[in-house]
C-alpha cells in the first residue's frame, strides 16, 4: 500500500482576491504532521508540497497523485486557499491568477476525476 500526499497552499493572489498568508504555512504544518511517525507516518519523499504554484503545475500534480494507483493506496489531497462557487454552486479551487475576462479562472476538480 502506498501512502502519498499532495499539499497545495495558495497565499498570494492577483487583485480581486485577498491574500491568505497562512495558506502556505498550513502546507508546512500539515507536512510536519504527516511525516511524524506517531501521527501520519508518511515518508517525506511521498509528500509533494506546492506553494503559490501556477495552475498548470497544480493540475499536473493532481493528475500524478491520482494516476496509476492501487485500490488500497492511501491518497491525501490537501488545499489551503480561496474557493469560488459559480452560479450553480459548484466549488472551484482558485489559483494565484484567479481572474480571466473578469471571471474567476478556477481549477475545477470533477467528481469523476477524483474517483
Foldseek 3Di string as FASTA:
>chain_A
DAEAEEQEFEQAADPPDHGNVCRLVVLVVVLVQLVPCVGNVHDNVRYHYYYLDDPVVVVVVLLVQPPPDDPPYHYYYHYHDDWDADPVRAIFGAHRYQDDPNHGPGHHDDPVNND
